[in-house]
N, C-alpha and C. Protein backbone atom coordinates (compact mmCIF):
# COMPACT_ATOMS: atom_id res chain seq x y z
N MET A 1 15.42 12.29 1.77
CA MET A 1 14.44 11.91 2.62
C MET A 1 14.82 10.66 3.42
N SER A 2 13.74 10.96 4.30
CA SER A 2 14.67 9.90 5.75
C SER A 2 12.69 9.22 6.11
N TYR A 3 12.65 8.11 6.97
CA TYR A 3 11.21 7.77 7.18
C TYR A 3 11.70 7.00 8.51
N PRO A 4 10.48 7.27 9.19
CA PRO A 4 10.82 7.19 10.63
C PRO A 4 10.43 5.46 10.69
N SER A 5 11.74 4.92 11.81
CA SER A 5 11.48 3.42 11.79
C SER A 5 10.14 2.90 12.90
N GLU A 6 9.49 3.43 13.54
CA GLU A 6 8.44 3.51 14.16
C GLU A 6 7.33 4.32 13.69
N PRO A 7 6.31 3.72 13.57
CA PRO A 7 4.60 4.75 13.30
C PRO A 7 4.59 5.57 14.33
N PRO A 8 4.11 7.02 13.66
CA PRO A 8 3.98 7.81 14.83
C PRO A 8 2.97 7.19 15.89
N GLU A 9 2.89 7.54 17.13
CA GLU A 9 2.02 7.47 17.97
C GLU A 9 0.62 8.07 18.23
N GLY A 10 -0.55 7.50 18.63
CA GLY A 10 -1.68 7.92 18.10
C GLY A 10 -2.44 7.68 16.91
N ASP A 11 -3.67 8.02 16.61
CA ASP A 11 -4.44 7.52 15.56
C ASP A 11 -4.01 7.94 14.46
N SER A 12 -3.41 6.87 13.39
CA SER A 12 -2.95 7.26 12.21
C SER A 12 -3.43 6.17 11.11
N VAL A 13 -3.01 6.41 10.03
CA VAL A 13 -3.67 5.18 9.10
C VAL A 13 -2.49 4.46 9.21
N TYR A 14 -1.35 4.56 9.54
CA TYR A 14 -0.34 3.65 9.66
C TYR A 14 -0.53 2.85 11.12
N VAL A 15 -0.95 2.92 12.40
CA VAL A 15 -1.41 2.33 13.60
C VAL A 15 -2.46 2.14 12.96
N GLY A 16 -3.53 1.90 12.43
CA GLY A 16 -4.69 1.15 11.77
C GLY A 16 -3.99 -0.17 10.74
N PHE A 17 -3.27 0.44 10.27
CA PHE A 17 -2.82 -1.00 9.21
C PHE A 17 -2.05 -1.68 9.80
N ILE A 18 -1.16 -1.21 10.57
CA ILE A 18 -0.66 -2.29 11.38
C ILE A 18 -1.08 -3.39 12.31
N ALA A 19 -2.34 -2.75 13.12
CA ALA A 19 -3.08 -3.41 13.60
C ALA A 19 -3.88 -4.24 12.87
N GLU A 20 -4.24 -3.98 11.92
CA GLU A 20 -4.98 -5.10 10.63
C GLU A 20 -4.28 -6.03 9.86
N HIS A 21 -3.08 -5.63 9.62
CA HIS A 21 -2.31 -6.40 8.72
C HIS A 21 -0.96 -7.15 9.49
N GLY A 22 -0.64 -6.34 10.57
CA GLY A 22 1.03 -6.56 10.64
C GLY A 22 2.02 -5.45 10.00
N TYR A 23 2.95 -5.71 10.45
CA TYR A 23 4.19 -5.30 9.98
C TYR A 23 4.81 -5.80 8.34
N GLY A 24 4.85 -4.87 7.41
CA GLY A 24 4.89 -5.20 6.04
C GLY A 24 5.05 -4.35 4.95
N VAL A 25 4.68 -4.59 3.83
CA VAL A 25 4.69 -3.63 3.08
C VAL A 25 3.14 -2.75 3.04
N HIS A 26 3.64 -1.38 2.94
CA HIS A 26 2.36 -0.64 3.01
C HIS A 26 1.77 -0.15 1.80
N HIS A 27 2.51 0.42 1.05
CA HIS A 27 2.14 0.44 -0.38
C HIS A 27 3.15 0.32 -1.67
N PHE A 28 3.02 0.03 -2.72
CA PHE A 28 3.96 0.04 -3.44
C PHE A 28 3.96 0.70 -5.19
N GLY A 29 4.71 1.16 -5.90
CA GLY A 29 4.10 1.79 -7.05
C GLY A 29 4.87 0.92 -8.12
N VAL A 30 4.14 0.65 -9.25
CA VAL A 30 4.38 0.17 -10.69
C VAL A 30 4.56 0.76 -11.45
N LEU A 31 5.21 0.90 -12.50
CA LEU A 31 5.50 1.51 -13.80
C LEU A 31 4.90 0.42 -14.89
N VAL A 32 3.96 1.37 -15.56
CA VAL A 32 3.06 0.20 -16.76
C VAL A 32 3.16 0.84 -17.77
N VAL A 33 3.06 0.77 -19.08
CA VAL A 33 3.21 1.31 -20.55
C VAL A 33 1.29 1.81 -20.53
N ASP A 34 0.59 0.33 -20.68
CA ASP A 34 -0.68 0.47 -20.60
C ASP A 34 -1.51 0.53 -19.47
N MET A 35 -1.91 1.75 -19.01
CA MET A 35 -2.58 1.78 -17.85
C MET A 35 -3.99 1.27 -17.49
N PRO A 36 -4.63 1.61 -18.95
CA PRO A 36 -5.94 0.83 -18.57
C PRO A 36 -6.44 -0.81 -18.50
N ALA A 37 -4.95 -1.50 -19.33
CA ALA A 37 -4.79 -2.24 -19.49
C ALA A 37 -4.46 -2.97 -17.90
N ALA A 38 -3.51 -2.45 -17.41
CA ALA A 38 -3.12 -2.86 -16.05
C ALA A 38 -4.18 -2.73 -15.02
N LEU A 39 -4.50 -1.64 -15.22
CA LEU A 39 -5.61 -1.30 -14.33
C LEU A 39 -7.10 -3.31 -14.14
N ASP A 40 -7.25 -3.12 -15.68
CA ASP A 40 -8.24 -4.42 -15.85
C ASP A 40 -7.81 -5.98 -15.16
N LYS A 41 -6.16 -5.82 -15.36
CA LYS A 41 -6.00 -6.95 -15.03
C LYS A 41 -5.97 -6.80 -13.36
N THR A 42 -5.70 -6.32 -12.49
CA THR A 42 -5.54 -5.73 -10.95
C THR A 42 -7.06 -6.35 -10.72
N GLU A 43 -8.16 -5.39 -11.59
CA GLU A 43 -9.27 -5.74 -11.06
C GLU A 43 -9.57 -6.92 -11.18
N ALA A 44 -9.28 -7.81 -12.28
CA ALA A 44 -9.66 -9.21 -12.69
C ALA A 44 -8.45 -10.09 -11.57
N ALA A 45 -7.90 -9.85 -10.88
CA ALA A 45 -6.86 -10.52 -10.02
C ALA A 45 -7.36 -10.14 -8.54
N ALA A 46 -8.36 -9.15 -8.28
CA ALA A 46 -8.90 -8.89 -7.18
C ALA A 46 -8.02 -8.11 -6.56
N PHE A 47 -7.42 -7.19 -6.90
CA PHE A 47 -6.14 -6.33 -5.92
C PHE A 47 -6.85 -5.19 -5.94
N THR A 48 -8.14 -4.66 -6.38
CA THR A 48 -8.80 -3.54 -6.26
C THR A 48 -9.84 -3.50 -4.92
């Protein structure tokens, strides 16, 4: 799998994200044992 080094031109979620936040992490995944508890923690930490 390959990823483009530059976002596509035109209107896209990538262009909007970069315009609002700059370059950096767009999203990431985390493996957890207890999903409901993990969601509670993210909500408490204002990540949602």
